[in-house]
Amino acid sequence: MTTDPLPPAAGAECLTAALHKSGVLGAVCACNVTLVSSLKKLRSHTFRLRLQYEGPAAGAPVALILKMGHLDGTGRSSYANRREIAFYRDVVPASPAGGVPRCLLEDLTDSHFIATEWPLPPTLEQYESIVQALAHFHGAWWDDPRLGVSVGGYVDSSDQIQQTLVDQFARFTDRYGEILSPERRDLYEKLFDRAPRLLARHQTHRNLTLIHGDAHPWNFFLPRVGIGAGVRLIDWEGWSIDTATDDLAYMMAMLWYTDRRHRMERPLLDLYHATLSTHGVGGYDRQALDDDYRLSTLWLITRPIGQAANNIPARVWWNNLERIMLAVDDLGCRELLD
């Protein structure tokens, strides 16, 4: 066990209050919290905690995950993680069981595992499980009447989106201008110019769902044989209402090199669509999925620009940029700008 100090939010009193509020703890209270391990990422710090209780606590969690921003000099978290908190407060209780952790604090370490160490991709069989889990979640929220009303909000201001992208691109080229060829600069400029027309797909408010927004395979927990049940998708900081293919294109077009995409992309899209259909999604044929996938892939050329603007390391955004450009060419996405 690690000897790193516990943050105040991991204290027994704070965790007892959170567990009582979520309804997973009866009248007992936590009396002792031990830090098992911790993991620091660029924006967050995740702690695995082990709990002991005062008296019998049948069914109470013996381990929890606490995720928070890095603490500043005053002991305050660097970010409040409001989006993920809202997801577990508003979305999870209204979603079918499975697919996501029951609560933000649920510890899945003993029952589930992450398929591979970044950046190595999982196997085809593991990707099939991941894609089916995504289809299950997307299908549950597909064109749900609560979208944009009581759950999430539609982003309809194409002018605001367009200006944000233009500003980020200007900062990127000021700093990394040599990286982009004239042809690629022209591609970005055409995309920004056509943004209002391309965003009309989203503004129909049809065939939309809740998406994860960061659906890389290392955010999926796969079940351990004979122990875990079902794939679980974690880290819901970037969820929104959008086309489902945003998650799929990020997972495959953005993160795979050409050989893997050529071998696995279409079979997995076929499986996704078939699974979506079994969950009752109609009026969205296989061609519509392909059309949305190409559009999502095109929009993803802006993701590395945003990552660079938010100080994501170059080892991440640079590879993302090169891979997504390969996918744009393979899928004929430039035709969407004509």
Protein backbone atom coordinates (compact mmCIF):
# COMPACT_ATOMS: atom_id res chain seq x y z
CA MET A 1 0.00 0.00 0.00
CA THR A 2 1.12 3.54 -0.71
CA THR A 3 1.92 5.98 2.09
CA ASP A 4 0.85 9.09 0.15
CA PRO A 5 -1.34 11.41 2.27
CA LEU A 6 -5.09 11.33 1.80
CA PRO A 7 -6.80 14.46 0.45
CA PRO A 8 -9.55 15.92 2.68
CA ALA A 9 -12.27 14.62 0.34
CA ALA A 10 -11.12 11.07 1.09
CA GLY A 11 -11.75 11.41 4.80
CA ALA A 12 -14.17 9.04 6.51
CA GLU A 13 -16.69 11.79 7.26
CA CYS A 14 -16.80 13.09 3.67
CA LEU A 15 -17.12 9.60 2.18
CA THR A 16 -19.83 8.62 4.67
CA ALA A 17 -21.87 11.66 3.65
CA ALA A 18 -21.42 10.90 -0.06
CA LEU A 19 -22.42 7.25 0.38
CA HIS A 20 -25.47 8.16 2.44
CA LYS A 21 -26.53 10.69 -0.19
CA SER A 22 -26.18 8.13 -2.99
CA GLY A 23 -28.25 5.58 -1.09
CA VAL A 24 -25.67 2.79 -1.06
CA LEU A 25 -24.95 2.94 2.67
CA GLY A 26 -27.35 2.31 5.52
CA ALA A 27 -27.14 3.86 8.96
CA VAL A 28 -23.51 2.90 9.58
CA CYS A 29 -20.55 5.23 9.08
CA ALA A 30 -17.09 4.76 7.69
CA CYS A 31 -14.52 4.91 10.48
CA ASN A 32 -11.23 4.28 8.68
CA VAL A 33 -10.01 4.97 5.13
CA THR A 34 -6.78 3.57 3.74
CA LEU A 35 -5.14 4.65 0.50
CA VAL A 36 -4.39 1.56 -1.61
CA SER A 37 -3.00 3.26 -4.71
CA SER A 38 -3.09 6.51 -6.64
CA LEU A 39 -2.68 7.49 -10.28
CA LYS A 40 -1.84 10.98 -11.52
CA LYS A 41 -2.87 12.05 -15.03
CA LEU A 42 -2.56 15.37 -16.81
CA ARG A 43 -5.70 16.89 -15.29
CA SER A 44 -6.81 14.43 -12.64
CA HIS A 45 -5.63 12.41 -9.66
CA THR A 46 -7.38 9.11 -8.97
CA PHE A 47 -7.23 7.37 -5.60
CA ARG A 48 -8.22 3.79 -4.76
CA LEU A 49 -9.47 3.66 -1.18
CA ARG A 50 -10.29 0.84 1.21
CA LEU A 51 -12.98 1.46 3.84
CA GLN A 52 -13.80 0.06 7.26
CA TYR A 53 -17.11 0.72 9.02
CA GLU A 54 -18.42 1.10 12.54
CA GLY A 55 -20.45 -2.05 13.08
CA PRO A 56 -22.08 -4.41 10.53
CA ALA A 57 -22.23 -2.97 7.02
CA ALA A 58 -23.52 -5.74 4.76
CA GLY A 59 -23.52 -4.67 1.14
CA ALA A 60 -21.51 -1.52 1.77
CA PRO A 61 -18.57 -0.98 -0.59
CA VAL A 62 -15.23 -2.02 0.87
CA ALA A 63 -13.31 -0.11 -1.80
CA LEU A 64 -13.97 3.12 -3.67
CA ILE A 65 -12.42 5.22 -6.41
CA LEU A 66 -12.00 8.94 -5.77
CA LYS A 67 -11.25 11.10 -8.80
CA MET A 68 -10.37 14.76 -8.44
CA GLY A 69 -8.22 17.50 -9.90
CA HIS A 70 -4.71 18.17 -8.65
CA LEU A 71 -4.65 20.16 -5.42
CA ASP A 72 -3.31 23.70 -5.48
CA GLY A 73 -1.35 25.41 -2.71
CA THR A 74 -4.51 25.97 -0.66
CA GLY A 75 -5.59 22.33 -0.87
CA ARG A 76 -8.35 23.02 -3.40
CA SER A 77 -8.94 20.83 -6.44
CA SER A 78 -7.82 22.37 -9.73
CA TYR A 79 -11.15 21.51 -11.34
CA ALA A 80 -14.56 20.53 -10.01
CA ASN A 81 -15.40 17.81 -12.56
CA ARG A 82 -18.96 19.13 -12.76
CA ARG A 83 -19.73 17.43 -16.06
CA GLU A 84 -18.97 13.93 -14.77
CA ILE A 85 -20.81 14.58 -11.52
CA ALA A 86 -23.85 15.71 -13.54
CA PHE A 87 -23.63 12.54 -15.61
CA TYR A 88 -23.83 10.28 -12.57
CA ARG A 89 -26.51 12.45 -11.01
CA ASP A 90 -28.79 12.90 -14.04
CA VAL A 91 -27.98 10.24 -16.64
CA VAL A 92 -27.02 7.03 -14.83
CA PRO A 93 -30.25 6.74 -12.78
CA ALA A 94 -32.25 7.08 -16.01
CA SER A 95 -30.12 4.58 -17.98
CA PRO A 96 -30.50 0.79 -18.20
CA ALA A 97 -28.36 -1.15 -15.77
CA GLY A 98 -24.88 -1.99 -16.98
CA GLY A 99 -22.59 -0.22 -19.38
CA VAL A 100 -21.33 2.35 -16.87
CA PRO A 101 -20.33 2.20 -13.21
CA ARG A 102 -23.24 2.55 -10.79
CA CYS A 103 -21.69 5.67 -9.31
CA LEU A 104 -18.62 7.82 -9.76
CA LEU A 105 -17.00 6.15 -6.73
CA GLU A 106 -17.54 2.51 -7.75
CA ASP A 107 -14.32 0.47 -7.68
CA LEU A 108 -14.13 -2.02 -10.57
CA THR A 109 -10.52 -3.08 -10.06
CA ASP A 110 -11.23 -6.61 -8.83
CA SER A 111 -14.02 -7.43 -11.29
CA HIS A 112 -12.78 -5.71 -14.47
CA PHE A 113 -9.58 -4.85 -16.29
CA ILE A 114 -8.29 -2.50 -19.00
CA ALA A 115 -7.43 -4.55 -22.09
CA THR A 116 -3.98 -3.18 -22.88
CA GLU A 117 -1.44 -0.61 -21.86
CA TRP A 118 -1.64 2.61 -23.89
CA PRO A 119 -1.01 2.95 -26.80
CA LEU A 120 -1.32 -0.74 -27.78
CA PRO A 121 -4.79 -1.56 -29.17
CA PRO A 122 -6.99 -4.36 -27.80
CA THR A 123 -7.75 -7.50 -29.79
CA LEU A 124 -10.59 -7.73 -32.30
CA GLU A 125 -12.63 -9.80 -29.83
CA GLN A 126 -12.17 -7.16 -27.15
CA TYR A 127 -13.11 -4.40 -29.59
CA GLU A 128 -16.28 -6.33 -30.45
CA SER A 129 -17.28 -6.25 -26.78
CA ILE A 130 -16.47 -2.55 -26.58
CA VAL A 131 -18.45 -1.66 -29.72
CA GLN A 132 -21.47 -3.66 -28.54
CA ALA A 133 -21.38 -1.89 -25.18
CA LEU A 134 -21.32 1.47 -26.96
CA ALA A 135 -24.26 0.47 -29.15
CA HIS A 136 -26.18 -0.61 -26.04
CA PHE A 137 -25.66 2.74 -24.34
CA HIS A 138 -26.22 4.82 -27.48
CA GLY A 139 -29.35 2.86 -28.31
CA ALA A 140 -30.81 3.43 -24.87
CA TRP A 141 -30.68 7.21 -25.39
CA TRP A 142 -31.32 7.36 -29.15
CA ASP A 143 -33.64 10.31 -29.90
CA ASP A 144 -34.87 10.18 -26.31
CA PRO A 145 -37.39 12.99 -25.67
CA ARG A 146 -35.44 13.99 -22.54
CA LEU A 147 -32.41 14.97 -24.62
CA GLY A 148 -31.93 18.72 -24.54
CA VAL A 149 -34.79 19.07 -22.07
CA SER A 150 -33.93 17.44 -18.75
CA VAL A 151 -30.72 15.70 -19.88
CA GLY A 152 -27.91 17.64 -21.51
CA GLY A 153 -28.30 20.52 -23.92
CA TYR A 154 -28.15 21.00 -27.66
CA VAL A 155 -25.40 23.23 -29.02
CA ASP A 156 -27.03 25.06 -31.89
CA SER A 157 -24.84 28.13 -32.29
CA SER A 158 -22.79 27.36 -35.38
CA ASP A 159 -21.30 30.85 -35.25
CA GLN A 160 -19.90 30.23 -31.77
CA ILE A 161 -18.47 26.82 -32.73
CA GLN A 162 -16.99 28.24 -35.91
CA GLN A 163 -15.30 31.12 -34.08
CA THR A 164 -13.89 28.82 -31.39
CA LEU A 165 -12.34 26.57 -34.02
CA VAL A 166 -10.90 29.50 -35.95
CA ASP A 167 -9.35 30.95 -32.79
CA GLN A 168 -7.80 27.61 -31.76
CA PHE A 169 -6.43 27.09 -35.25
CA ALA A 170 -4.87 30.54 -35.27
CA ARG A 171 -3.09 29.85 -31.98
CA PHE A 172 -1.97 26.45 -33.27
CA THR A 173 -0.49 27.84 -36.48
CA ASP A 174 1.24 30.61 -34.58
CA ARG A 175 3.04 28.00 -32.53
CA TYR A 176 3.28 25.00 -34.87
CA GLY A 177 2.78 26.52 -38.31
CA GLU A 178 5.60 24.59 -39.94
CA ILE A 179 3.85 21.29 -39.19
CA LEU A 180 0.95 21.96 -41.57
CA SER A 181 1.43 21.81 -45.32
CA PRO A 182 -0.40 24.35 -47.52
CA GLU A 183 -2.80 21.55 -48.52
CA ARG A 184 -3.71 20.84 -44.90
CA ARG A 185 -4.13 24.53 -44.09
CA ASP A 186 -6.53 24.73 -47.00
CA LEU A 187 -8.47 21.75 -45.64
CA TYR A 188 -8.95 23.46 -42.27
CA GLU A 189 -9.96 26.73 -43.88
CA LYS A 190 -12.55 24.99 -46.03
CA LEU A 191 -13.91 23.14 -42.99
CA PHE A 192 -14.33 26.37 -41.03
CA ASP A 193 -15.96 28.06 -44.02
CA ARG A 194 -18.43 25.16 -44.51
CA ALA A 195 -19.07 24.71 -40.78
CA PRO A 196 -22.62 26.17 -40.78
CA ARG A 197 -23.69 23.77 -43.55
CA LEU A 198 -22.03 20.75 -41.94
CA LEU A 199 -23.46 21.54 -38.51
CA ALA A 200 -26.97 21.41 -39.99
CA ARG A 201 -26.78 17.62 -39.50
CA HIS A 202 -26.62 18.12 -35.74
CA GLN A 203 -29.30 20.81 -35.73
CA THR A 204 -31.93 18.43 -37.11
CA HIS A 205 -32.09 16.91 -33.59
CA ARG A 206 -32.72 13.56 -35.28
CA ASN A 207 -30.75 10.34 -34.87
CA LEU A 208 -28.77 11.82 -31.99
CA THR A 209 -27.87 10.28 -28.66
CA LEU A 210 -25.68 10.74 -25.61
CA ILE A 211 -22.05 10.21 -26.48
CA HIS A 212 -19.03 9.69 -24.26
CA GLY A 213 -16.74 12.15 -26.04
CA ASP A 214 -13.46 10.37 -25.18
CA ALA A 215 -14.22 6.78 -26.13
CA HIS A 216 -10.71 5.40 -26.42
CA PRO A 217 -10.32 1.73 -25.45
CA TRP A 218 -8.46 2.54 -22.21
CA ASN A 219 -11.66 4.09 -20.86
CA PHE A 220 -13.41 0.71 -21.13
CA PHE A 221 -13.22 -1.81 -18.31
CA LEU A 222 -13.65 -5.38 -19.57
CA PRO A 223 -15.07 -8.07 -17.25
CA ARG A 224 -12.73 -10.63 -15.71
CA VAL A 225 -13.78 -14.17 -16.63
CA GLY A 226 -16.10 -15.63 -14.00
CA ILE A 227 -16.07 -12.45 -11.89
CA GLY A 228 -17.14 -9.33 -13.76
CA ALA A 229 -20.36 -8.80 -15.68
CA GLY A 230 -20.45 -6.60 -18.75
CA VAL A 231 -18.21 -3.90 -20.16
CA ARG A 232 -18.08 -0.64 -18.20
CA LEU A 233 -17.25 2.76 -19.70
CA ILE A 234 -15.59 5.25 -17.34
CA ASP A 235 -14.42 8.90 -17.37
CA TRP A 236 -17.58 10.71 -18.45
CA GLU A 237 -16.15 14.24 -18.34
CA GLY A 238 -16.86 14.96 -22.01
CA TRP A 239 -20.38 13.57 -22.52
CA SER A 240 -22.79 15.47 -24.74
CA ILE A 241 -25.65 15.09 -27.20
CA ASP A 242 -24.32 14.35 -30.69
CA THR A 243 -24.08 11.76 -33.44
CA ALA A 244 -23.06 8.34 -32.13
CA THR A 245 -20.36 8.13 -34.76
CA ASP A 246 -18.35 10.78 -32.93
CA ASP A 247 -17.44 8.06 -30.41
CA LEU A 248 -16.82 5.44 -33.09
CA ALA A 249 -14.67 7.68 -35.29
CA TYR A 250 -12.60 8.79 -32.32
CA MET A 251 -12.00 5.17 -31.31
CA MET A 252 -11.07 3.94 -34.78
CA ALA A 253 -10.35 6.69 -37.33
CA MET A 254 -8.42 8.81 -34.84
CA LEU A 255 -6.54 6.11 -32.96
CA TRP A 256 -5.77 3.42 -35.56
CA TYR A 257 -3.13 3.32 -38.21
CA THR A 258 -4.10 2.39 -41.75
CA ASP A 259 -3.59 -1.38 -41.67
CA ARG A 260 -5.78 -1.90 -38.62
CA ARG A 261 -8.52 0.32 -39.99
CA HIS A 262 -8.54 -1.53 -43.30
CA ARG A 263 -8.92 -4.86 -41.51
CA MET A 264 -11.27 -4.02 -38.66
CA GLU A 265 -13.14 -0.77 -39.27
CA ARG A 266 -15.96 -2.02 -41.49
CA PRO A 267 -16.64 -5.28 -39.59
CA LEU A 268 -16.91 -3.34 -36.34
CA LEU A 269 -19.21 -0.73 -37.90
CA ASP A 270 -21.37 -3.60 -39.19
CA LEU A 271 -21.49 -5.09 -35.69
CA TYR A 272 -22.31 -1.72 -34.14
CA HIS A 273 -25.22 -1.15 -36.52
CA ALA A 274 -26.58 -4.67 -36.02
CA THR A 275 -26.41 -4.26 -32.24
CA LEU A 276 -28.06 -0.86 -32.46
CA SER A 277 -30.93 -2.41 -34.43
CA THR A 278 -31.44 -5.15 -31.83
CA HIS A 279 -31.92 -2.42 -29.25
CA GLY A 280 -34.85 -1.00 -31.16
CA VAL A 281 -33.24 1.81 -33.16
CA GLY A 282 -35.05 2.14 -36.48
CA GLY A 283 -35.00 4.60 -39.35
CA TYR A 284 -31.21 4.69 -39.33
CA ASP A 285 -29.85 2.41 -42.03
CA ARG A 286 -26.31 1.25 -42.62
CA GLN A 287 -25.67 3.99 -45.18
CA ALA A 288 -26.72 6.64 -42.69
CA LEU A 289 -24.16 5.25 -40.26
CA ASP A 290 -21.44 5.47 -42.93
CA ASP A 291 -22.44 9.03 -43.80
CA ASP A 292 -22.28 10.13 -40.17
CA TYR A 293 -19.01 8.27 -39.65
CA ARG A 294 -17.34 10.13 -42.51
CA LEU A 295 -18.60 13.47 -41.22
CA SER A 296 -17.42 12.67 -37.69
CA THR A 297 -14.01 11.72 -39.09
CA LEU A 298 -13.77 15.02 -40.93
CA TRP A 299 -14.64 17.03 -37.82
CA LEU A 300 -11.99 15.12 -35.87
CA ILE A 301 -9.19 16.96 -37.64
CA THR A 302 -10.02 19.74 -35.17
CA ARG A 303 -9.44 17.48 -32.13
CA PRO A 304 -5.59 17.56 -32.23
CA ILE A 305 -5.76 21.35 -32.60
CA GLY A 306 -7.88 21.58 -29.47
CA GLN A 307 -5.65 19.14 -27.63
CA ALA A 308 -2.60 21.27 -28.40
CA ALA A 309 -4.49 24.38 -27.27
CA ASN A 310 -5.24 22.65 -23.94
CA ASN A 311 -1.60 21.65 -23.41
CA ILE A 312 -2.08 17.95 -24.10
CA PRO A 313 1.44 16.56 -24.74
CA ALA A 314 2.64 16.58 -28.34
CA ARG A 315 3.19 12.81 -28.20
CA VAL A 316 -0.62 12.55 -28.06
CA TRP A 317 -1.90 15.23 -30.43
CA TRP A 318 0.82 14.80 -33.07
CA ASN A 319 0.03 11.09 -33.60
CA ASN A 320 -3.69 11.85 -33.53
CA LEU A 321 -3.20 14.47 -36.22
CA GLU A 322 -1.30 12.16 -38.55
CA ARG A 323 -3.71 9.24 -38.08
CA ILE A 324 -6.86 11.28 -38.62
CA MET A 325 -5.45 12.83 -41.78
CA LEU A 326 -4.83 9.32 -43.14
CA ALA A 327 -8.42 8.37 -42.33
CA VAL A 328 -9.80 11.53 -43.97
CA ASP A 329 -8.02 10.61 -47.19
CA ASP A 330 -9.00 6.92 -47.06
CA LEU A 331 -12.69 7.68 -46.47
CA GLY A 332 -12.93 10.47 -49.02
CA CYS A 333 -14.00 12.97 -46.37
CA ARG A 334 -12.78 15.97 -48.40
CA GLU A 335 -15.72 15.36 -50.73
CA LEU A 336 -18.02 16.54 -47.94
CA LEU A 337 -16.63 20.04 -48.35
CA ASP A 338 -17.56 20.34 -52.03
